[in-house]
PDB file of N, CA and C in Angstrom:
ATOM      1  N   MET A   1      99.534 124.164  81.992  1.00  0.00           N
ATOM      2  CA  MET A   1      99.875 123.959  80.624  1.00  0.00           C
ATOM      3  C   MET A   1      98.614 124.762  79.866  1.00  0.00           C
ATOM      4  N   ARG A   2      98.590 125.544  78.928  1.00  0.00           N
ATOM      5  CA  ARG A   2      97.573 125.934  78.131  1.00  0.00           C
ATOM      6  C   ARG A   2      97.418 124.997  76.723  1.00  0.00           C
ATOM      7  N   PHE A   3      96.314 124.841  76.287  1.00  0.00           N
ATOM      8  CA  PHE A   3      96.114 124.038  75.186  1.00  0.00           C
ATOM      9  C   PHE A   3      96.291 125.334  73.846  1.00  0.00           C
ATOM     10  N   ASN A   4      97.026 124.751  72.997  1.00  0.00           N
ATOM     11  CA  ASN A   4      96.969 125.901  71.711  1.00  0.00           C
ATOM     12  C   ASN A   4      96.956 124.705  70.464  1.00  0.00           C
ATOM     13  N   LYS A   5      96.705 125.576  69.189  1.00  0.00           N
ATOM     14  CA  LYS A   5      96.454 124.736  68.162  1.00  0.00           C
ATOM     15  C   LYS A   5      97.727 123.651  67.748  1.00  0.00           C
ATOM     16  N   LYS A   6      98.984 124.093  68.076  1.00  0.00           N
ATOM     17  CA  LYS A   6      99.966 123.313  67.844  1.00  0.00           C
ATOM     18  C   LYS A   6      99.804 121.898  68.514  1.00  0.00           C
ATOM     19  N   MET A   7      99.261 121.670  69.637  1.00  0.00           N
ATOM     20  CA  MET A   7      98.988 120.676  70.379  1.00  0.00           C
ATOM     21  C   MET A   7      97.900 119.720  69.950  1.00  0.00           C
ATOM     22  N   ALA A   8      97.388 120.300  68.963  1.00  0.00           N
ATOM     23  CA  ALA A   8      96.067 119.618  68.443  1.00  0.00           C
ATOM     24  C   ALA A   8      96.557 118.198  67.642  1.00  0.00           C
ATOM     25  N   VAL A   9      95.628 117.150  67.784  1.00  0.00           N
ATOM     26  CA  VAL A   9      95.829 115.873  67.006  1.00  0.00           C
ATOM     27  C   VAL A   9      94.438 115.741  66.337  1.00  0.00           C
ATOM     28  N   LYS A  10      94.484 115.299  65.197  1.00  0.00           N
ATOM     29  CA  LYS A  10      93.622 114.946  64.223  1.00  0.00           C
ATOM     30  C   LYS A  10      93.159 113.488  63.911  1.00  0.00           C
ATOM     31  N   ILE A  11      92.181 112.973  64.463  1.00  0.00           N
ATOM     32  CA  ILE A  11      91.832 111.585  64.131  1.00  0.00           C
ATOM     33  C   ILE A  11      90.730 111.543  63.409  1.00  0.00           C
ATOM     34  N   LYS A  12      90.574 110.757  62.540  1.00  0.00           N
ATOM     35  CA  LYS A  12      89.521 110.390  61.836  1.00  0.00           C
ATOM     36  C   LYS A  12      88.285 109.736  62.812  1.00  0.00           C
ATOM     37  N   ALA A  13      86.961 110.035  62.437  1.00  0.00           N
ATOM     38  CA  ALA A  13      85.837 109.730  63.400  1.00  0.00           C
ATOM     39  C   ALA A  13      85.822 108.072  63.494  1.00  0.00           C
ATOM     40  N   GLU A  14      85.887 107.846  62.247  1.00  0.00           N
ATOM     41  CA  GLU A  14      85.656 106.061  62.411  1.00  0.00           C
ATOM     42  C   GLU A  14      87.023 105.580  63.069  1.00  0.00           C
ATOM     43  N   LYS A  15      88.098 105.902  63.150  1.00  0.00           N
ATOM     44  CA  LYS A  15      89.412 105.373  63.793  1.00  0.00           C
ATOM     45  C   LYS A  15      89.026 105.411  65.279  1.00  0.00           C
ATOM     46  N   LEU A  16      88.313 106.801  65.614  1.00  0.00           N
ATOM     47  CA  LEU A  16      88.057 106.978  67.147  1.00  0.00           C
ATOM     48  C   LEU A  16      87.067 106.026  67.654  1.00  0.00           C
ATOM     49  N   ARG A  17      86.244 105.813  66.718  1.00  0.00           N
ATOM     50  CA  ARG A  17      84.987 104.869  67.195  1.00  0.00           C
ATOM     51  C   ARG A  17      85.486 103.555  67.151  1.00  0.00           C
ATOM     52  N   LYS A  18      86.456 103.217  66.545  1.00  0.00           N
ATOM     53  CA  LYS A  18      86.631 101.930  66.467  1.00  0.00           C
ATOM     54  C   LYS A  18      87.683 101.575  67.858  1.00  0.00           C
ATOM     55  N   PHE A  19      88.583 102.601  68.058  1.00  0.00           N
ATOM     56  CA  PHE A  19      89.534 102.335  69.416  1.00  0.00           C
ATOM     57  C   PHE A  19      88.578 102.388  70.475  1.00  0.00           C
ATOM     58  N   ALA A  20      87.433 103.328  70.452  1.00  0.00           N
ATOM     59  CA  ALA A  20      86.651 103.395  71.954  1.00  0.00           C
ATOM     60  C   ALA A  20      85.702 102.183  71.844  1.00  0.00           C
ATOM     61  N   THR A  21      85.632 101.694  70.874  1.00  0.00           N
ATOM     62  CA  THR A  21      84.740 100.196  71.095  1.00  0.00           C
ATOM     63  C   THR A  21      85.464  99.258  71.513  1.00  0.00           C
ATOM     64  N   GLN A  22      86.745  99.238  70.952  1.00  0.00           N
ATOM     65  CA  GLN A  22      87.795  98.222  71.373  1.00  0.00           C
ATOM     66  C   GLN A  22      88.183  98.265  72.846  1.00  0.00           C
ATOM     67  N   LEU A  23      88.263  99.689  73.312  1.00  0.00           N
ATOM     68  CA  LEU A  23      88.540  99.736  74.581  1.00  0.00           C
ATOM     69  C   LEU A  23      87.405  99.466  75.528  1.00  0.00           C
ATOM     70  N   GLY A  24      86.214  99.651  75.124  1.00  0.00           N
ATOM     71  CA  GLY A  24      85.050  99.336  75.992  1.00  0.00           C
ATOM     72  C   GLY A  24      84.871  97.977  76.156  1.00  0.00           C
ATOM     73  N   GLN A  25      84.902  97.216  75.024  1.00  0.00           N
ATOM     74  CA  GLN A  25      85.048  95.591  75.110  1.00  0.00           C
ATOM     75  C   GLN A  25      86.188  95.316  76.044  1.00  0.00           C
ATOM     76  N   LYS A  26      87.250  95.681  76.157  1.00  0.00           N
ATOM     77  CA  LYS A  26      88.361  95.321  76.928  1.00  0.00           C
ATOM     78  C   LYS A  26      88.002  95.474  78.582  1.00  0.00           C
ATOM     79  N   ILE A  27      87.152  96.542  79.017  1.00  0.00           N
ATOM     80  CA  ILE A  27      86.828  96.667  80.230  1.00  0.00           C
ATOM     81  C   ILE A  27      85.510  96.041  80.396  1.00  0.00           C
ATOM     82  N   GLY A  28      85.055  95.246  79.723  1.00  0.00           N
ATOM     83  CA  GLY A  28      84.109  94.156  80.176  1.00  0.00           C
ATOM     84  C   GLY A  28      82.491  94.668  79.426  1.00  0.00           C
ATOM     85  N   LEU A  29      82.572  95.703  78.642  1.00  0.00           N
ATOM     86  CA  LEU A  29      81.391  96.054  78.009  1.00  0.00           C
ATOM     87  C   LEU A  29      80.820  95.149  76.777  1.00  0.00           C
ATOM     88  N   SER A  30      79.802  94.739  76.670  1.00  0.00           N
ATOM     89  CA  SER A  30      79.159  93.833  75.424  1.00  0.00           C
ATOM     90  C   SER A  30      79.708  94.980  74.225  1.00  0.00           C
ATOM     91  N   GLU A  31      79.721  94.094  72.965  1.00  0.00           N
ATOM     92  CA  GLU A  31      79.982  94.858  71.884  1.00  0.00           C
ATOM     93  C   GLU A  31      78.849  95.712  71.628  1.00  0.00           C
ATOM     94  N   LYS A  32      77.779  95.679  71.776  1.00  0.00           N
ATOM     95  CA  LYS A  32      76.522  96.646  71.509  1.00  0.00           C
ATOM     96  C   LYS A  32      76.792  98.107  72.577  1.00  0.00           C
ATOM     97  N   ASP A  33      77.095  97.653  73.746  1.00  0.00           N
ATOM     98  CA  ASP A  33      77.198  98.698  74.701  1.00  0.00           C
ATOM     99  C   ASP A  33      78.362  99.475  74.401  1.00  0.00           C
ATOM    100  N   ALA A  34      79.477  98.761  73.933  1.00  0.00           N
ATOM    101  CA  ALA A  34      80.731  99.741  73.575  1.00  0.00           C
ATOM    102  C   ALA A  34      80.748 100.389  72.409  1.00  0.00           C
ATOM    103  N   TYR A  35      79.926 100.084  71.346  1.00  0.00           N
ATOM    104  CA  TYR A  35      79.689 100.900  70.361  1.00  0.00           C
ATOM    105  C   TYR A  35      78.992 101.953  70.817  1.00  0.00           C
ATOM    106  N   THR A  36      77.851 101.704  71.444  1.00  0.00           N
ATOM    107  CA  THR A  36      77.135 102.844  72.032  1.00  0.00           C
ATOM    108  C   THR A  36      77.851 103.924  72.729  1.00  0.00           C
ATOM    109  N   LEU A  37      78.794 103.507  73.634  1.00  0.00           N
ATOM    110  CA  LEU A  37      79.673 104.469  74.290  1.00  0.00           C
ATOM    111  C   LEU A  37      80.383 105.313  73.143  1.00  0.00           C
ATOM    112  N   SER A  38      81.205 104.482  72.484  1.00  0.00           N
ATOM    113  CA  SER A  38      82.051 105.024  71.595  1.00  0.00           C
ATOM    114  C   SER A  38      81.259 106.010  70.549  1.00  0.00           C
ATOM    115  N   ASP A  39      79.963 105.808  70.166  1.00  0.00           N
ATOM    116  CA  ASP A  39      79.348 106.503  69.228  1.00  0.00           C
ATOM    117  C   ASP A  39      79.038 107.899  69.974  1.00  0.00           C
ATOM    118  N   SER A  40      78.759 107.850  71.487  1.00  0.00           N
ATOM    119  CA  SER A  40      78.473 108.870  71.957  1.00  0.00           C
ATOM    120  C   SER A  40      79.737 110.148  72.074  1.00  0.00           C
ATOM    121  N   ILE A  41      80.822 109.180  72.405  1.00  0.00           N
ATOM    122  CA  ILE A  41      82.093 109.943  72.440  1.00  0.00           C
ATOM    123  C   ILE A  41      82.272 110.732  71.147  1.00  0.00           C
ATOM    124  N   VAL A  42      82.206 110.064  70.043  1.00  0.00           N
ATOM    125  CA  VAL A  42      82.642 110.561  68.677  1.00  0.00           C
ATOM    126  C   VAL A  42      81.686 111.839  68.387  1.00  0.00           C
ATOM    127  N   PHE A  43      80.430 111.405  68.835  1.00  0.00           N
ATOM    128  CA  PHE A  43      79.446 112.663  68.251  1.00  0.00           C
ATOM    129  C   PHE A  43      79.679 113.720  69.166  1.00  0.00           C
ATOM    130  N   ALA A  44      80.148 113.625  70.578  1.00  0.00           N
ATOM    131  CA  ALA A  44      80.292 114.593  71.216  1.00  0.00           C
ATOM    132  C   ALA A  44      81.489 115.434  70.813  1.00  0.00           C
ATOM    133  N   ASN A  45      82.667 114.625  70.663  1.00  0.00           N
ATOM    134  CA  ASN A  45      83.859 115.206  70.116  1.00  0.00           C
ATOM    135  C   ASN A  45      83.464 115.903  68.623  1.00  0.00           C
ATOM    136  N   LEU A  46      82.691 115.620  68.036  1.00  0.00           N
ATOM    137  CA  LEU A  46      82.506 116.141  66.577  1.00  0.00           C
ATOM    138  C   LEU A  46      81.671 117.645  66.685  1.00  0.00           C
ATOM    139  N   ARG A  47      80.828 117.575  67.701  1.00  0.00           N
ATOM    140  CA  ARG A  47      80.067 118.811  68.001  1.00  0.00           C
ATOM    141  C   ARG A  47      81.025 119.772  68.859  1.00  0.00           C
ATOM    142  N   GLY A  48      82.066 119.400  69.430  1.00  0.00           N
ATOM    143  CA  GLY A  48      83.037 120.566  70.178  1.00  0.00           C
ATOM    144  C   GLY A  48      82.615 120.552  71.375  1.00  0.00           C
TER     145      GLY A  48
END
C-alpha cells in the first residue's frame, strides 16, 4: 500500500507529546524519561 495525502492525519504537537509521554509511563519509564522520549518523537515528526 502506498501512502498518499488522503491518508494523512494531523495531530497537534502537544497532543502527540502528551500521548507519547503517557504511553512511555505505562511501559515503565519515569515521567522525566517518558517526556524526553516523547519530546524526541515530536521533534523528529515536526522536522519530517
